[in-house]
Amino acid sequence: MRNFVQNGNILSVLAPYVTLSGQGVLVGVLFGVAATDAANGAPVEIKRQGVFDITALATDVGAQGAKIYWDAAARRLTVTAAGNALVGALAEAKLNGDATARVALDGVVR
């Protein structure tokens, strides 16, 4: 197939802010986890599929399989849908006080 470019599981995007390896990154409707550190506006590769532990709102609670959203202003996951981007589902239940959430990313653009 002559028009195939790449599988899309890992994409290079321009970091929307200073980004640390392992941090969530949302560019438009593309969400992934940064593979490396990057300066604001610098290229960074994001992994769009897999299961990751990502910073989350500590007071949130959610059952395994619940939808999880990215709060771009706070740069963390949340169970709150309003004003946030759907990025995946909880791979494990999230308890009150957990500063991270285990999230399953499926790479789907929403």
C-alpha atoms as a PDB file:
ATOM      1  CA  MET A   1       0.000   0.000   0.000  1.00  0.00           C
ATOM      2  CA  ARG A   2       1.756   3.133  -1.197  1.00  0.00           C
ATOM      3  CA  ASN A   3      -0.203   5.665   0.840  1.00  0.00           C
ATOM      4  CA  PHE A   4       0.397   4.138   4.329  1.00  0.00           C
ATOM      5  CA  VAL A   5       2.373   6.510   6.563  1.00  0.00           C
ATOM      6  CA  GLN A   6       2.437   4.975  10.085  1.00  0.00           C
ATOM      7  CA  ASN A   7       0.202   3.027  12.469  1.00  0.00           C
ATOM      8  CA  GLY A   8      -0.728   6.103  14.542  1.00  0.00           C
ATOM      9  CA  ASN A   9      -0.220   4.577  17.982  1.00  0.00           C
ATOM     10  CA  ILE A  10       2.626   7.051  18.509  1.00  0.00           C
ATOM     11  CA  LEU A  11       2.352  10.533  16.985  1.00  0.00           C
ATOM     12  CA  SER A  12       4.619  13.542  17.027  1.00  0.00           C
ATOM     13  CA  VAL A  13       2.765  16.695  18.109  1.00  0.00           C
ATOM     14  CA  LEU A  14       3.804  20.152  19.257  1.00  0.00           C
ATOM     15  CA  ALA A  15       3.713  20.312  23.054  1.00  0.00           C
ATOM     16  CA  PRO A  16       0.949  22.715  24.141  1.00  0.00           C
ATOM     17  CA  TYR A  17       2.913  23.475  27.343  1.00  0.00           C
ATOM     18  CA  VAL A  18       6.124  22.385  29.036  1.00  0.00           C
ATOM     19  CA  THR A  19       5.607  18.641  29.114  1.00  0.00           C
ATOM     20  CA  LEU A  20       7.196  15.916  31.220  1.00  0.00           C
ATOM     21  CA  SER A  21       7.594  12.303  30.193  1.00  0.00           C
ATOM     22  CA  GLY A  22       4.510  10.378  31.325  1.00  0.00           C
ATOM     23  CA  GLN A  23       2.271  13.450  31.382  1.00  0.00           C
ATOM     24  CA  GLY A  24      -1.004  13.621  29.496  1.00  0.00           C
ATOM     25  CA  VAL A  25      -1.021  15.801  26.388  1.00  0.00           C
ATOM     26  CA  LEU A  26      -4.086  17.059  24.533  1.00  0.00           C
ATOM     27  CA  VAL A  27      -3.649  18.701  21.133  1.00  0.00           C
ATOM     28  CA  GLY A  28      -7.002  19.428  19.526  1.00  0.00           C
ATOM     29  CA  VAL A  29      -8.788  16.099  19.927  1.00  0.00           C
ATOM     30  CA  LEU A  30      -5.589  14.008  19.972  1.00  0.00           C
ATOM     31  CA  PHE A  31      -4.743  12.749  23.461  1.00  0.00           C
ATOM     32  CA  GLY A  32      -1.746  10.710  24.501  1.00  0.00           C
ATOM     33  CA  VAL A  33       1.027  10.305  27.030  1.00  0.00           C
ATOM     34  CA  ALA A  34       4.328  12.103  26.430  1.00  0.00           C
ATOM     35  CA  ALA A  35       7.246   9.769  25.746  1.00  0.00           C
ATOM     36  CA  THR A  36       9.833  12.435  26.646  1.00  0.00           C
ATOM     37  CA  ASP A  37      10.110  15.878  28.212  1.00  0.00           C
ATOM     38  CA  ALA A  38       9.454  18.778  25.826  1.00  0.00           C
ATOM     39  CA  ALA A  39       9.480  22.557  25.918  1.00  0.00           C
ATOM     40  CA  ASN A  40       6.321  24.476  25.086  1.00  0.00           C
ATOM     41  CA  GLY A  41       5.873  24.349  21.301  1.00  0.00           C
ATOM     42  CA  ALA A  42       8.567  21.706  20.791  1.00  0.00           C
ATOM     43  CA  PRO A  43       7.859  18.375  19.093  1.00  0.00           C
ATOM     44  CA  VAL A  44       6.993  15.535  21.467  1.00  0.00           C
ATOM     45  CA  GLU A  45       5.896  11.998  20.744  1.00  0.00           C
ATOM     46  CA  ILE A  46       2.713  10.866  22.438  1.00  0.00           C
ATOM     47  CA  LYS A  47       1.519   7.298  22.873  1.00  0.00           C
ATOM     48  CA  ARG A  48      -2.191   7.137  22.169  1.00  0.00           C
ATOM     49  CA  GLN A  49      -3.001   3.549  23.196  1.00  0.00           C
ATOM     50  CA  GLY A  50      -2.320   1.482  26.283  1.00  0.00           C
ATOM     51  CA  VAL A  51      -2.830   1.585  30.037  1.00  0.00           C
ATOM     52  CA  PHE A  52      -1.160   4.376  32.007  1.00  0.00           C
ATOM     53  CA  ASP A  53      -1.094   5.865  35.498  1.00  0.00           C
ATOM     54  CA  ILE A  54      -1.744   9.581  34.971  1.00  0.00           C
ATOM     55  CA  THR A  55      -2.189  12.488  37.385  1.00  0.00           C
ATOM     56  CA  ALA A  56      -5.843  12.868  38.373  1.00  0.00           C
ATOM     57  CA  LEU A  57      -8.043  14.980  40.610  1.00  0.00           C
ATOM     58  CA  ALA A  58      -7.493  13.347  44.010  1.00  0.00           C
ATOM     59  CA  THR A  59     -11.071  13.811  45.216  1.00  0.00           C
ATOM     60  CA  ASP A  60     -12.616  12.069  42.186  1.00  0.00           C
ATOM     61  CA  VAL A  61     -13.995   8.546  42.493  1.00  0.00           C
ATOM     62  CA  GLY A  62     -14.963   6.214  39.681  1.00  0.00           C
ATOM     63  CA  ALA A  63     -15.653   2.554  39.015  1.00  0.00           C
ATOM     64  CA  GLN A  64     -13.587   0.393  36.695  1.00  0.00           C
ATOM     65  CA  GLY A  65     -14.754   1.070  33.139  1.00  0.00           C
ATOM     66  CA  ALA A  66     -16.061   4.574  33.893  1.00  0.00           C
ATOM     67  CA  LYS A  67     -15.337   7.284  31.339  1.00  0.00           C
ATOM     68  CA  ILE A  68     -12.390   9.527  32.166  1.00  0.00           C
ATOM     69  CA  TYR A  69     -11.758  13.048  30.881  1.00  0.00           C
ATOM     70  CA  TRP A  70      -8.787  15.399  30.493  1.00  0.00           C
ATOM     71  CA  ASP A  71      -9.003  18.748  32.262  1.00  0.00           C
ATOM     72  CA  ALA A  72      -6.679  20.779  30.021  1.00  0.00           C
ATOM     73  CA  ALA A  73      -6.601  23.778  32.375  1.00  0.00           C
ATOM     74  CA  ALA A  74      -5.499  21.698  35.383  1.00  0.00           C
ATOM     75  CA  ARG A  75      -3.531  19.181  33.242  1.00  0.00           C
ATOM     76  CA  ARG A  76      -5.013  16.131  34.950  1.00  0.00           C
ATOM     77  CA  LEU A  77      -7.660  13.463  34.562  1.00  0.00           C
ATOM     78  CA  THR A  78     -11.121  13.851  36.023  1.00  0.00           C
ATOM     79  CA  VAL A  79     -14.460  12.044  36.024  1.00  0.00           C
ATOM     80  CA  THR A  80     -16.172  15.371  35.278  1.00  0.00           C
ATOM     81  CA  ALA A  81     -17.400  15.535  31.685  1.00  0.00           C
ATOM     82  CA  ALA A  82     -18.454  19.201  31.518  1.00  0.00           C
ATOM     83  CA  GLY A  83     -15.833  21.273  29.720  1.00  0.00           C
ATOM     84  CA  ASN A  84     -13.352  18.399  29.483  1.00  0.00           C
ATOM     85  CA  ALA A  85     -12.249  15.999  26.720  1.00  0.00           C
ATOM     86  CA  LEU A  86     -13.153  12.301  26.887  1.00  0.00           C
ATOM     87  CA  VAL A  87      -9.853  10.397  26.644  1.00  0.00           C
ATOM     88  CA  GLY A  88     -10.545   6.835  27.796  1.00  0.00           C
ATOM     89  CA  ALA A  89     -11.863   4.687  30.624  1.00  0.00           C
ATOM     90  CA  LEU A  90     -10.688   3.769  34.097  1.00  0.00           C
ATOM     91  CA  ALA A  91      -8.768   0.506  33.927  1.00  0.00           C
ATOM     92  CA  GLU A  92      -9.156   0.189  37.713  1.00  0.00           C
ATOM     93  CA  ALA A  93     -11.487   1.855  40.168  1.00  0.00           C
ATOM     94  CA  LYS A  94     -10.297   5.274  41.337  1.00  0.00           C
ATOM     95  CA  LEU A  95     -10.676   5.983  45.027  1.00  0.00           C
ATOM     96  CA  ASN A  96     -10.929   9.285  46.876  1.00  0.00           C
ATOM     97  CA  GLY A  97      -7.393  10.398  47.708  1.00  0.00           C
ATOM     98  CA  ASP A  98      -5.724   8.701  44.721  1.00  0.00           C
ATOM     99  CA  ALA A  99      -3.524  11.315  43.017  1.00  0.00           C
ATOM    100  CA  THR A 100      -3.321   9.199  39.860  1.00  0.00           C
ATOM    101  CA  ALA A 101      -5.791   7.158  37.864  1.00  0.00           C
ATOM    102  CA  ARG A 102      -5.059   4.001  35.889  1.00  0.00           C
ATOM    103  CA  VAL A 103      -6.579   4.757  32.514  1.00  0.00           C
ATOM    104  CA  ALA A 104      -7.020   2.702  29.363  1.00  0.00           C
ATOM    105  CA  LEU A 105      -6.440   4.792  26.236  1.00  0.00           C
ATOM    106  CA  ASP A 106      -7.849   3.361  23.022  1.00  0.00           C
ATOM    107  CA  GLY A 107      -6.480   5.947  20.593  1.00  0.00           C
ATOM    108  CA  VAL A 108      -9.932   6.868  19.322  1.00  0.00           C
ATOM    109  CA  VAL A 109     -10.380  10.481  18.249  1.00  0.00           C
ATOM    110  CA  ARG A 110     -13.552  11.840  19.849  1.00  0.00           C
END
